[in-house]
């Protein structure tokens, strides 16, 4: 049985709006691939959260957290992926060549198709999300009752709140993209985003295993 559901929702909102790897990748993809790219990134993030929810309910997350080896594997794979995205973003700043319109359309289409994958993998390969589900959710469940349904409700609630926040965030970023897509502004934002992704990757790699 759940306890303090409204407090849970309030805490989720505070945690979701804190900047993290998911926010960084959503920002980058909204600027480079437009609103659709941002929405696809958010959808990928939410799909990964549903997998984390299922893993927590089935106990797989507990195995990952309790196994130093598995936790380390997830941690380093996730860290490498974040650093890869960051380096890729920084390198793209050096390739601002003028392309033909057909080539640009093809590139935009490719970026759109990869946005979902980037959002999905960035969240899925972050073991801290698994730790979050195993340490945060139980605080709102009565220890003497069945946890399956409450975990599912909280997992879906967190995913829905994340979706609402990111779709609002992407919409706002897209609305001011006229300014943000000016060459100097975009170069600065992409440079900052790339550096932040690398920073998150290094931070994740240095996290102590349990």
N, C-alpha and C. Protein backbone atom coordinates (compact mmCIF):
# COMPACT_ATOMS: atom_id res chain seq x y z
N UNK A 1 0.84 -1.19 0.00
CA UNK A 1 0.00 0.00 0.00
C UNK A 1 0.88 1.25 0.00
N UNK A 2 0.51 2.25 -0.81
CA UNK A 2 1.30 3.47 -0.91
C UNK A 2 1.03 4.42 0.24
N UNK A 3 2.05 5.20 0.57
CA UNK A 3 1.92 6.23 1.60
C UNK A 3 2.40 7.56 1.03
N UNK A 4 1.70 8.65 1.39
CA UNK A 4 2.11 10.01 0.99
C UNK A 4 2.31 10.14 -0.52
N UNK A 5 1.29 9.77 -1.29
CA UNK A 5 1.40 9.81 -2.74
C UNK A 5 1.68 11.23 -3.24
N UNK A 6 1.00 12.22 -2.65
CA UNK A 6 1.19 13.60 -3.11
C UNK A 6 2.59 14.10 -2.80
N UNK A 7 3.16 13.66 -1.69
CA UNK A 7 4.55 14.00 -1.38
C UNK A 7 5.47 13.35 -2.40
N UNK A 8 5.15 12.12 -2.78
CA UNK A 8 5.93 11.41 -3.80
C UNK A 8 5.92 12.20 -5.11
N UNK A 9 4.74 12.66 -5.53
CA UNK A 9 4.62 13.42 -6.77
C UNK A 9 5.43 14.71 -6.68
N UNK A 10 5.35 15.39 -5.54
CA UNK A 10 6.09 16.65 -5.36
C UNK A 10 7.59 16.41 -5.45
N UNK A 11 8.08 15.35 -4.78
CA UNK A 11 9.50 15.03 -4.82
C UNK A 11 9.94 14.65 -6.23
N UNK A 12 9.09 13.93 -6.95
CA UNK A 12 9.40 13.56 -8.33
C UNK A 12 9.59 14.79 -9.20
N UNK A 13 8.70 15.75 -9.05
CA UNK A 13 8.79 16.98 -9.85
C UNK A 13 10.10 17.70 -9.60
N UNK A 14 10.50 17.78 -8.32
CA UNK A 14 11.76 18.45 -7.98
C UNK A 14 12.95 17.71 -8.59
N UNK A 15 12.92 16.39 -8.54
CA UNK A 15 14.02 15.59 -9.07
C UNK A 15 14.08 15.65 -10.60
N UNK A 16 12.90 15.65 -11.24
CA UNK A 16 12.85 15.63 -12.70
C UNK A 16 13.40 16.91 -13.32
N UNK A 17 13.09 18.06 -12.68
CA UNK A 17 13.49 19.33 -13.29
C UNK A 17 14.96 19.66 -13.03
N UNK A 18 15.62 18.86 -12.17
CA UNK A 18 17.06 19.08 -11.98
C UNK A 18 17.80 18.69 -13.26
N UNK A 19 18.69 19.53 -13.75
CA UNK A 19 19.44 19.21 -14.98
C UNK A 19 20.28 17.96 -14.81
N UNK A 20 20.28 17.13 -15.84
CA UNK A 20 21.06 15.90 -15.83
C UNK A 20 21.37 15.49 -17.25
N UNK A 21 21.91 14.29 -17.45
CA UNK A 21 22.24 13.83 -18.80
C UNK A 21 21.03 13.82 -19.74
N UNK A 22 19.85 13.45 -19.22
CA UNK A 22 18.65 13.42 -20.06
C UNK A 22 18.29 14.81 -20.57
N UNK A 23 18.43 15.81 -19.69
CA UNK A 23 18.14 17.19 -20.08
C UNK A 23 19.14 17.68 -21.11
N UNK A 24 20.40 17.33 -20.90
CA UNK A 24 21.45 17.77 -21.82
C UNK A 24 21.24 17.22 -23.22
N UNK A 25 20.90 15.93 -23.31
CA UNK A 25 20.73 15.33 -24.63
C UNK A 25 19.45 15.83 -25.29
N UNK A 26 18.41 16.13 -24.49
CA UNK A 26 17.17 16.68 -25.05
C UNK A 26 17.42 18.08 -25.60
N UNK A 27 18.22 18.86 -24.89
CA UNK A 27 18.55 20.22 -25.34
C UNK A 27 19.32 20.17 -26.66
N UNK A 28 20.33 19.31 -26.71
CA UNK A 28 21.16 19.20 -27.92
C UNK A 28 20.32 18.78 -29.13
N UNK A 29 19.48 17.77 -28.94
CA UNK A 29 18.72 17.26 -30.07
C UNK A 29 17.61 18.21 -30.51
N UNK A 30 17.07 19.00 -29.58
CA UNK A 30 16.06 19.99 -29.96
C UNK A 30 16.69 21.08 -30.82
N UNK A 31 17.92 21.47 -30.47
CA UNK A 31 18.60 22.52 -31.22
C UNK A 31 19.08 22.04 -32.58
N UNK A 32 19.52 20.79 -32.63
CA UNK A 32 20.10 20.30 -33.89
C UNK A 32 19.07 19.65 -34.81
N UNK A 33 18.02 19.05 -34.24
CA UNK A 33 17.05 18.33 -35.06
C UNK A 33 15.64 18.88 -34.95
N UNK A 34 15.47 19.99 -34.21
CA UNK A 34 14.16 20.61 -34.11
C UNK A 34 13.27 19.98 -33.05
N UNK A 35 12.02 20.46 -33.02
CA UNK A 35 11.06 20.01 -32.01
C UNK A 35 10.81 18.50 -32.08
N UNK A 36 10.70 17.97 -33.31
CA UNK A 36 10.46 16.53 -33.46
C UNK A 36 11.61 15.72 -32.87
N UNK A 37 12.84 16.20 -33.11
CA UNK A 37 14.01 15.53 -32.55
C UNK A 37 13.97 15.53 -31.03
N UNK A 38 13.57 16.67 -30.45
CA UNK A 38 13.47 16.77 -28.99
C UNK A 38 12.40 15.85 -28.44
N UNK A 39 11.24 15.80 -29.12
CA UNK A 39 10.15 14.93 -28.68
C UNK A 39 10.55 13.46 -28.75
N UNK A 40 11.28 13.09 -29.82
CA UNK A 40 11.73 11.71 -29.96
C UNK A 40 12.73 11.35 -28.85
N UNK A 41 13.56 12.32 -28.49
CA UNK A 41 14.51 12.10 -27.39
C UNK A 41 13.77 11.85 -26.09
N UNK A 42 12.76 12.69 -25.82
CA UNK A 42 11.95 12.54 -24.61
C UNK A 42 11.23 11.19 -24.59
N UNK A 43 10.74 10.77 -25.76
CA UNK A 43 10.06 9.47 -25.85
C UNK A 43 11.02 8.34 -25.55
N UNK A 44 12.26 8.45 -26.05
CA UNK A 44 13.27 7.43 -25.76
C UNK A 44 13.58 7.36 -24.27
N UNK A 45 13.68 8.53 -23.63
CA UNK A 45 13.93 8.58 -22.18
C UNK A 45 12.81 7.89 -21.42
N UNK A 46 11.56 8.17 -21.80
CA UNK A 46 10.41 7.59 -21.10
C UNK A 46 10.33 6.08 -21.29
N UNK A 47 10.66 5.61 -22.48
CA UNK A 47 10.67 4.16 -22.73
C UNK A 47 11.71 3.47 -21.85
N UNK A 48 12.87 4.11 -21.68
CA UNK A 48 13.91 3.55 -20.81
C UNK A 48 13.43 3.53 -19.36
N UNK A 49 12.70 4.57 -18.94
CA UNK A 49 12.17 4.61 -17.57
C UNK A 49 11.18 3.47 -17.33
N UNK A 50 10.39 3.13 -18.34
CA UNK A 50 9.45 2.01 -18.20
C UNK A 50 10.21 0.70 -18.01
N UNK A 51 11.36 0.58 -18.68
CA UNK A 51 12.18 -0.62 -18.51
C UNK A 51 12.76 -0.66 -17.10
N UNK A 52 13.21 0.50 -16.61
CA UNK A 52 13.73 0.57 -15.24
C UNK A 52 12.63 0.21 -14.24
N UNK A 53 11.41 0.66 -14.51
CA UNK A 53 10.29 0.33 -13.63
C UNK A 53 10.06 -1.18 -13.59
N UNK A 54 10.04 -1.79 -14.76
CA UNK A 54 9.84 -3.23 -14.86
C UNK A 54 10.97 -3.98 -14.16
N UNK A 55 12.20 -3.48 -14.34
CA UNK A 55 13.36 -4.13 -13.71
C UNK A 55 13.27 -4.05 -12.20
N UNK A 56 12.82 -2.90 -11.69
CA UNK A 56 12.70 -2.73 -10.24
C UNK A 56 11.63 -3.67 -9.68
N UNK A 57 10.51 -3.77 -10.40
CA UNK A 57 9.42 -4.63 -9.96
C UNK A 57 9.86 -6.10 -9.96
N UNK A 58 10.61 -6.49 -10.98
CA UNK A 58 11.04 -7.88 -11.11
C UNK A 58 12.27 -8.21 -10.28
N UNK A 59 12.88 -7.17 -9.71
CA UNK A 59 14.05 -7.40 -8.86
C UNK A 59 15.37 -7.39 -9.60
N UNK A 60 15.35 -7.13 -10.92
CA UNK A 60 16.60 -7.12 -11.67
C UNK A 60 17.50 -5.98 -11.24
N UNK A 61 16.90 -4.82 -10.94
CA UNK A 61 17.69 -3.67 -10.51
C UNK A 61 18.43 -3.99 -9.22
N UNK A 62 17.76 -4.74 -8.33
CA UNK A 62 18.40 -5.10 -7.06
C UNK A 62 19.65 -5.94 -7.31
N UNK A 63 19.56 -6.84 -8.29
CA UNK A 63 20.71 -7.68 -8.63
C UNK A 63 21.85 -6.81 -9.16
N UNK A 64 21.52 -5.86 -10.03
CA UNK A 64 22.54 -4.99 -10.61
C UNK A 64 23.22 -4.16 -9.53
N UNK A 65 22.41 -3.59 -8.62
CA UNK A 65 22.96 -2.73 -7.57
C UNK A 65 23.81 -3.52 -6.58
N UNK A 66 23.38 -4.75 -6.27
CA UNK A 66 24.10 -5.56 -5.29
C UNK A 66 25.34 -6.22 -5.87
N UNK A 67 25.41 -6.34 -7.19
CA UNK A 67 26.57 -6.94 -7.84
C UNK A 67 27.52 -5.84 -8.29
N UNK A 68 28.67 -5.78 -7.68
CA UNK A 68 29.65 -4.75 -8.03
C UNK A 68 30.07 -4.86 -9.49
N UNK A 69 30.18 -6.10 -9.98
CA UNK A 69 30.61 -6.32 -11.36
C UNK A 69 29.57 -5.77 -12.34
N UNK A 70 28.29 -6.17 -12.15
CA UNK A 70 27.24 -5.72 -13.05
C UNK A 70 27.05 -4.21 -12.98
N UNK A 71 27.11 -3.68 -11.75
CA UNK A 71 26.96 -2.24 -11.59
C UNK A 71 28.09 -1.50 -12.31
N UNK A 72 29.31 -2.02 -12.19
CA UNK A 72 30.46 -1.39 -12.84
C UNK A 72 30.32 -1.45 -14.36
N UNK A 73 29.84 -2.60 -14.88
CA UNK A 73 29.66 -2.73 -16.33
C UNK A 73 28.68 -1.67 -16.83
N UNK A 74 27.52 -1.59 -16.17
CA UNK A 74 26.52 -0.59 -16.56
C UNK A 74 27.08 0.81 -16.43
N UNK A 75 27.80 1.06 -15.34
CA UNK A 75 28.33 2.39 -15.07
C UNK A 75 29.30 2.82 -16.16
N UNK A 76 30.26 1.96 -16.51
CA UNK A 76 31.27 2.34 -17.48
C UNK A 76 30.73 2.39 -18.91
N UNK A 77 29.81 1.49 -19.24
CA UNK A 77 29.19 1.56 -20.57
C UNK A 77 28.41 2.87 -20.70
N UNK A 78 27.65 3.20 -19.65
CA UNK A 78 26.89 4.45 -19.67
C UNK A 78 27.80 5.67 -19.73
N UNK A 79 28.88 5.64 -18.97
CA UNK A 79 29.83 6.76 -18.96
C UNK A 79 30.48 6.94 -20.32
N UNK A 80 30.89 5.82 -20.93
CA UNK A 80 31.52 5.89 -22.25
C UNK A 80 30.56 6.44 -23.28
N UNK A 81 29.30 6.04 -23.18
CA UNK A 81 28.30 6.52 -24.15
C UNK A 81 28.08 8.03 -24.00
N UNK A 82 28.00 8.52 -22.76
CA UNK A 82 27.82 9.95 -22.54
C UNK A 82 29.03 10.74 -23.06
N UNK A 83 30.22 10.24 -22.77
CA UNK A 83 31.43 10.91 -23.24
C UNK A 83 31.48 10.90 -24.77
N UNK A 84 31.07 9.77 -25.36
CA UNK A 84 31.02 9.67 -26.83
C UNK A 84 30.08 10.73 -27.41
N UNK A 85 28.90 10.88 -26.81
CA UNK A 85 27.95 11.89 -27.30
C UNK A 85 28.51 13.30 -27.14
N UNK A 86 29.19 13.54 -26.01
CA UNK A 86 29.78 14.85 -25.77
C UNK A 86 30.87 15.18 -26.76
N UNK A 87 31.77 14.21 -26.99
CA UNK A 87 32.86 14.42 -27.95
C UNK A 87 32.30 14.61 -29.35
N UNK A 88 31.28 13.81 -29.70
CA UNK A 88 30.65 13.92 -31.01
C UNK A 88 30.06 15.30 -31.22
N UNK A 89 29.43 15.84 -30.15
CA UNK A 89 28.84 17.18 -30.22
C UNK A 89 29.92 18.24 -30.42
N UNK A 90 31.03 18.12 -29.67
CA UNK A 90 32.11 19.10 -29.80
C UNK A 90 32.77 19.01 -31.18
N UNK A 91 32.95 17.80 -31.69
CA UNK A 91 33.57 17.64 -33.01
C UNK A 91 32.69 18.21 -34.11
N UNK A 92 31.36 18.16 -33.90
CA UNK A 92 30.45 18.67 -34.93
C UNK A 92 30.61 20.17 -35.10
N UNK A 93 31.13 20.86 -34.08
CA UNK A 93 31.35 22.30 -34.17
C UNK A 93 32.45 22.62 -35.18
N UNK A 94 33.31 21.65 -35.45
CA UNK A 94 34.42 21.87 -36.37
C UNK A 94 34.04 21.50 -37.80
N UNK A 95 32.80 21.05 -37.97
CA UNK A 95 32.36 20.61 -39.31
C UNK A 95 31.17 21.45 -39.76
N UNK A 96 31.29 22.75 -39.70
CA UNK A 96 30.21 23.65 -40.10
C UNK A 96 30.33 24.02 -41.57
N UNK A 97 30.47 23.02 -42.41
CA UNK A 97 30.61 23.29 -43.83
C UNK A 97 29.24 23.50 -44.45
N UNK A 98 29.21 24.32 -45.50
CA UNK A 98 27.95 24.58 -46.20
C UNK A 98 27.63 23.37 -47.07
N UNK A 99 26.42 22.80 -46.88
CA UNK A 99 26.01 21.60 -47.63
C UNK A 99 24.85 21.94 -48.54
N UNK A 100 24.66 21.12 -49.52
CA UNK A 100 23.53 21.29 -50.44
C UNK A 100 22.24 21.00 -49.70
N UNK A 101 21.13 21.55 -50.16
CA UNK A 101 19.86 21.43 -49.46
C UNK A 101 19.42 19.97 -49.34
N UNK A 102 19.66 19.17 -50.37
CA UNK A 102 19.28 17.76 -50.32
C UNK A 102 20.09 17.02 -49.27
N UNK A 103 21.36 17.37 -49.19
CA UNK A 103 22.25 16.73 -48.21
C UNK A 103 21.84 17.12 -46.80
N UNK A 104 21.45 18.38 -46.61
CA UNK A 104 21.03 18.86 -45.30
C UNK A 104 19.74 18.16 -44.87
N UNK A 105 18.81 17.98 -45.81
CA UNK A 105 17.56 17.30 -45.49
C UNK A 105 17.82 15.86 -45.06
N UNK A 106 18.75 15.23 -45.77
CA UNK A 106 19.10 13.85 -45.44
C UNK A 106 19.71 13.77 -44.06
N UNK A 107 20.58 14.73 -43.75
CA UNK A 107 21.22 14.76 -42.43
C UNK A 107 20.20 14.98 -41.34
N UNK A 108 19.26 15.91 -41.56
CA UNK A 108 18.22 16.19 -40.58
C UNK A 108 17.37 14.95 -40.32
N UNK A 109 17.05 14.22 -41.38
CA UNK A 109 16.24 13.02 -41.24
C UNK A 109 16.99 11.98 -40.42
N UNK A 110 18.30 11.85 -40.65
CA UNK A 110 19.10 10.88 -39.91
C UNK A 110 19.15 11.25 -38.43
N UNK A 111 19.31 12.57 -38.16
CA UNK A 111 19.38 13.02 -36.78
C UNK A 111 18.09 12.72 -36.05
N UNK A 112 16.96 12.91 -36.75
CA UNK A 112 15.67 12.63 -36.13
C UNK A 112 15.54 11.16 -35.74
N UNK A 113 16.03 10.27 -36.62
CA UNK A 113 15.89 8.84 -36.34
C UNK A 113 16.82 8.41 -35.20
N UNK A 114 17.92 9.12 -34.98
CA UNK A 114 18.85 8.73 -33.92
C UNK A 114 18.51 9.37 -32.58
N UNK A 115 17.62 10.36 -32.57
CA UNK A 115 17.29 11.06 -31.33
C UNK A 115 16.65 10.13 -30.31
N UNK A 116 15.71 9.29 -30.77
CA UNK A 116 15.06 8.34 -29.86
C UNK A 116 16.10 7.43 -29.23
N UNK A 117 17.01 6.92 -30.05
CA UNK A 117 18.04 6.00 -29.55
C UNK A 117 18.94 6.68 -28.53
N UNK A 118 19.31 7.92 -28.78
CA UNK A 118 20.18 8.64 -27.84
C UNK A 118 19.48 8.86 -26.51
N UNK A 119 18.20 9.30 -26.55
CA UNK A 119 17.45 9.49 -25.31
C UNK A 119 17.28 8.19 -24.56
N UNK A 120 17.00 7.12 -25.31
CA UNK A 120 16.77 5.81 -24.71
C UNK A 120 18.03 5.28 -24.03
N UNK A 121 19.16 5.29 -24.75
CA UNK A 121 20.40 4.72 -24.21
C UNK A 121 20.98 5.57 -23.08
N UNK A 122 20.85 6.89 -23.20
CA UNK A 122 21.38 7.77 -22.14
C UNK A 122 20.74 7.45 -20.81
N UNK A 123 19.44 7.20 -20.80
CA UNK A 123 18.74 6.88 -19.55
C UNK A 123 18.94 5.42 -19.16
N UNK A 124 18.81 4.51 -20.12
CA UNK A 124 18.89 3.07 -19.81
C UNK A 124 20.25 2.67 -19.26
N UNK A 125 21.32 3.28 -19.80
CA UNK A 125 22.68 2.89 -19.40
C UNK A 125 23.18 3.64 -18.18
N UNK A 126 22.29 4.38 -17.53
CA UNK A 126 22.67 5.09 -16.31
C UNK A 126 22.24 4.27 -15.10
N UNK A 127 23.18 3.59 -14.44
CA UNK A 127 22.81 2.73 -13.30
C UNK A 127 22.25 3.51 -12.13
N UNK A 128 22.51 4.82 -12.08
CA UNK A 128 21.98 5.63 -10.99
C UNK A 128 20.46 5.69 -11.04
N UNK A 129 19.89 5.49 -12.24
CA UNK A 129 18.43 5.46 -12.35
C UNK A 129 17.90 4.21 -11.66
N UNK A 130 18.59 3.08 -11.85
CA UNK A 130 18.20 1.84 -11.18
C UNK A 130 18.31 1.99 -9.67
N UNK A 131 19.39 2.64 -9.22
CA UNK A 131 19.57 2.88 -7.79
C UNK A 131 18.45 3.77 -7.27
N UNK A 132 18.08 4.78 -8.06
CA UNK A 132 17.00 5.69 -7.67
C UNK A 132 15.70 4.92 -7.44
N UNK A 133 15.35 4.05 -8.37
CA UNK A 133 14.10 3.31 -8.25
C UNK A 133 14.11 2.40 -7.02
N UNK A 134 15.27 1.84 -6.69
CA UNK A 134 15.34 0.90 -5.57
C UNK A 134 15.43 1.59 -4.21
N UNK A 135 15.93 2.82 -4.19
CA UNK A 135 16.10 3.52 -2.91
C UNK A 135 15.00 4.55 -2.64
N UNK A 136 14.46 5.15 -3.71
CA UNK A 136 13.48 6.21 -3.55
C UNK A 136 12.06 5.65 -3.43
N UNK A 137 11.68 4.73 -4.30
CA UNK A 137 10.31 4.22 -4.32
C UNK A 137 9.90 3.52 -3.01
N UNK A 138 10.77 2.67 -2.43
CA UNK A 138 10.35 1.96 -1.20
C UNK A 138 10.00 2.88 -0.04
N UNK A 139 10.48 4.12 -0.06
CA UNK A 139 10.19 5.04 1.03
C UNK A 139 8.71 5.42 1.10
N UNK A 140 7.98 5.16 0.02
CA UNK A 140 6.57 5.53 -0.04
C UNK A 140 5.65 4.31 -0.06
N UNK A 141 6.19 3.17 0.39
CA UNK A 141 5.41 1.93 0.42
C UNK A 141 5.44 1.35 1.82
N UNK A 142 4.30 0.90 2.28
CA UNK A 142 4.21 0.24 3.58
C UNK A 142 4.97 -1.08 3.51
N UNK A 143 5.96 -1.21 4.37
CA UNK A 143 6.83 -2.39 4.32
C UNK A 143 6.12 -3.71 4.52
N UNK A 144 4.95 -3.70 5.17
CA UNK A 144 4.27 -4.96 5.45
C UNK A 144 3.24 -5.35 4.41
N UNK A 145 3.23 -4.66 3.28
CA UNK A 145 2.21 -4.93 2.26
C UNK A 145 2.85 -5.34 0.94
N UNK A 146 2.01 -5.73 -0.01
CA UNK A 146 2.46 -6.10 -1.35
C UNK A 146 3.03 -4.88 -2.06
N UNK A 147 4.20 -5.03 -2.69
CA UNK A 147 4.87 -3.88 -3.32
C UNK A 147 4.70 -3.81 -4.83
N UNK A 148 4.20 -4.88 -5.44
CA UNK A 148 4.12 -4.93 -6.91
C UNK A 148 3.30 -3.77 -7.48
N UNK A 149 2.05 -3.65 -7.05
CA UNK A 149 1.16 -2.61 -7.59
C UNK A 149 1.65 -1.20 -7.25
N UNK A 150 2.05 -0.92 -5.98
CA UNK A 150 2.56 0.42 -5.67
C UNK A 150 3.78 0.80 -6.50
N UNK A 151 4.70 -0.17 -6.70
CA UNK A 151 5.89 0.11 -7.52
C UNK A 151 5.50 0.46 -8.95
N UNK A 152 4.54 -0.30 -9.49
CA UNK A 152 4.08 -0.03 -10.84
C UNK A 152 3.45 1.36 -10.94
N UNK A 153 2.61 1.69 -9.97
CA UNK A 153 1.93 3.00 -9.98
C UNK A 153 2.96 4.12 -9.89
N UNK A 154 3.93 3.98 -8.99
CA UNK A 154 4.94 5.03 -8.83
C UNK A 154 5.85 5.13 -10.04
N UNK A 155 6.19 3.98 -10.62
CA UNK A 155 7.04 3.99 -11.81
C UNK A 155 6.35 4.67 -12.98
N UNK A 156 5.08 4.33 -13.20
CA UNK A 156 4.33 4.95 -14.29
C UNK A 156 4.10 6.44 -14.01
N UNK A 157 3.86 6.79 -12.74
CA UNK A 157 3.67 8.19 -12.37
C UNK A 157 4.92 9.00 -12.67
N UNK A 158 6.08 8.45 -12.27
CA UNK A 158 7.34 9.14 -12.52
C UNK A 158 7.60 9.30 -14.01
N UNK A 159 7.28 8.26 -14.79
CA UNK A 159 7.47 8.31 -16.24
C UNK A 159 6.56 9.35 -16.88
N UNK A 160 5.30 9.39 -16.46
CA UNK A 160 4.34 10.36 -17.01
C UNK A 160 4.77 11.79 -16.67
N UNK A 161 5.20 12.02 -15.43
CA UNK A 161 5.66 13.35 -15.03
C UNK A 161 6.90 13.75 -15.83
N UNK A 162 7.79 12.79 -16.06
CA UNK A 162 8.99 13.05 -16.87
C UNK A 162 8.60 13.43 -18.29
N UNK A 163 7.64 12.69 -18.86
CA UNK A 163 7.18 12.98 -20.22
C UNK A 163 6.58 14.38 -20.30
N UNK A 164 5.74 14.74 -19.34
CA UNK A 164 5.11 16.07 -19.35
C UNK A 164 6.16 17.18 -19.25
N UNK A 165 7.15 16.98 -18.37
CA UNK A 165 8.18 17.99 -18.20
C UNK A 165 9.02 18.15 -19.46
N UNK A 166 9.46 17.03 -20.04
CA UNK A 166 10.33 17.12 -21.20
C UNK A 166 9.60 17.64 -22.44
N UNK A 167 8.34 17.28 -22.60
CA UNK A 167 7.61 17.81 -23.74
C UNK A 167 7.40 19.32 -23.59
N UNK A 168 7.18 19.79 -22.36
CA UNK A 168 7.08 21.23 -22.10
C UNK A 168 8.44 21.89 -22.32
N UNK A 169 9.49 21.25 -21.82
CA UNK A 169 10.85 21.79 -21.95
C UNK A 169 11.26 21.90 -23.42
N UNK A 170 11.01 20.83 -24.19
CA UNK A 170 11.35 20.84 -25.62
C UNK A 170 10.56 21.92 -26.35
N UNK A 171 9.28 22.06 -26.01
CA UNK A 171 8.45 23.09 -26.64
C UNK A 171 9.01 24.48 -26.37
N UNK A 172 9.41 24.75 -25.12
CA UNK A 172 9.95 26.06 -24.76
C UNK A 172 11.29 26.32 -25.46
N UNK A 173 12.14 25.29 -25.49
CA UNK A 173 13.44 25.43 -26.16
C UNK A 173 13.22 25.72 -27.64
N UNK A 174 12.27 25.02 -28.25
CA UNK A 174 11.99 25.22 -29.67
C UNK A 174 11.43 26.61 -29.94
N UNK A 175 10.64 27.15 -28.98
CA UNK A 175 10.04 28.47 -29.16
C UNK A 175 11.10 29.58 -29.21
N UNK A 176 12.17 29.40 -28.46
CA UNK A 176 13.22 30.42 -28.44
C UNK A 176 14.41 30.02 -29.31
N UNK A 177 14.17 29.01 -30.16
CA UNK A 177 15.26 28.49 -30.98
C UNK A 177 15.73 29.47 -32.05
N UNK A 178 14.87 30.45 -32.39
CA UNK A 178 15.29 31.45 -33.38
C UNK A 178 16.55 32.14 -32.91
N UNK A 179 16.55 32.51 -31.63
CA UNK A 179 17.76 33.14 -31.06
C UNK A 179 18.85 32.10 -30.86
N UNK A 180 18.44 30.92 -30.32
CA UNK A 180 19.42 29.91 -29.95
C UNK A 180 20.08 29.27 -31.17
N UNK A 181 19.42 29.39 -32.35
CA UNK A 181 19.99 28.79 -33.56
C UNK A 181 20.85 29.76 -34.36
N UNK A 182 21.04 30.98 -33.84
CA UNK A 182 21.99 31.87 -34.48
C UNK A 182 23.36 31.23 -34.35
N UNK A 183 24.17 31.30 -35.40
CA UNK A 183 25.45 30.59 -35.42
C UNK A 183 26.27 30.71 -34.13
N UNK A 184 26.47 31.94 -33.64
CA UNK A 184 27.29 32.11 -32.44
C UNK A 184 26.63 31.48 -31.22
N UNK A 185 25.30 31.72 -31.07
CA UNK A 185 24.58 31.17 -29.92
C UNK A 185 24.56 29.65 -29.97
N UNK A 186 24.32 29.09 -31.15
CA UNK A 186 24.25 27.63 -31.27
C UNK A 186 25.61 26.99 -31.02
N UNK A 187 26.66 27.62 -31.53
CA UNK A 187 28.01 27.08 -31.29
C UNK A 187 28.31 27.06 -29.79
N UNK A 188 27.93 28.15 -29.10
CA UNK A 188 28.19 28.24 -27.66
C UNK A 188 27.38 27.20 -26.90
N UNK A 189 26.09 27.05 -27.27
CA UNK A 189 25.22 26.10 -26.58
C UNK A 189 25.66 24.66 -26.84
N UNK A 190 26.00 24.36 -28.10
CA UNK A 190 26.45 23.01 -28.42
C UNK A 190 27.77 22.70 -27.73
N UNK A 191 28.66 23.71 -27.65
CA UNK A 191 29.92 23.51 -26.96
C UNK A 191 29.70 23.23 -25.48
N UNK A 192 28.78 24.01 -24.86
CA UNK A 192 28.47 23.81 -23.45
C UNK A 192 27.82 22.43 -23.24
N UNK A 193 26.88 22.07 -24.13
CA UNK A 193 26.19 20.79 -24.00
C UNK A 193 27.16 19.62 -24.13
N UNK A 194 28.06 19.70 -25.12
CA UNK A 194 29.05 18.65 -25.29
C UNK A 194 29.93 18.51 -24.06
N UNK A 195 30.36 19.64 -23.51
CA UNK A 195 31.20 19.61 -22.30
C UNK A 195 30.44 19.03 -21.12
N UNK A 196 29.14 19.38 -21.00
CA UNK A 196 28.32 18.88 -19.90
C UNK A 196 28.15 17.36 -20.01
N UNK A 197 27.90 16.88 -21.23
CA UNK A 197 27.74 15.43 -21.43
C UNK A 197 29.02 14.68 -21.05
N UNK A 198 30.17 15.24 -21.46
CA UNK A 198 31.45 14.63 -21.10
C UNK A 198 31.62 14.65 -19.58
N UNK A 199 31.25 15.80 -18.97
CA UNK A 199 31.34 15.93 -17.51
C UNK A 199 30.48 14.90 -16.79
N UNK A 200 29.24 14.72 -17.27
CA UNK A 200 28.36 13.72 -16.67
C UNK A 200 28.93 12.32 -16.85
N UNK A 201 29.53 12.07 -18.02
CA UNK A 201 30.13 10.76 -18.27
C UNK A 201 31.28 10.48 -17.31
N UNK A 202 32.15 11.47 -17.12
CA UNK A 202 33.28 11.31 -16.19
C UNK A 202 32.79 11.14 -14.76
N UNK A 203 31.77 11.94 -14.39
CA UNK A 203 31.19 11.85 -13.04
C UNK A 203 30.60 10.47 -12.80
N UNK A 204 29.91 9.95 -13.82
CA UNK A 204 29.33 8.61 -13.69
C UNK A 204 30.41 7.55 -13.56
N UNK A 205 31.49 7.70 -14.32
CA UNK A 205 32.58 6.72 -14.27
C UNK A 205 33.28 6.72 -12.92
N UNK A 206 33.30 7.87 -12.25
CA UNK A 206 33.98 7.98 -10.96
C UNK A 206 33.07 7.63 -9.79
N UNK A 207 31.78 7.35 -10.06
CA UNK A 207 30.86 6.97 -8.98
C UNK A 207 31.37 5.69 -8.33
N UNK A 208 31.31 5.64 -7.00
CA UNK A 208 31.74 4.45 -6.30
C UNK A 208 30.70 3.36 -6.47
N UNK A 209 31.19 2.14 -6.72
CA UNK A 209 30.28 0.99 -6.79
C UNK A 209 29.87 0.58 -5.40
N UNK A 210 28.67 -0.05 -5.30
CA UNK A 210 28.17 -0.47 -3.99
C UNK A 210 28.81 -1.77 -3.54
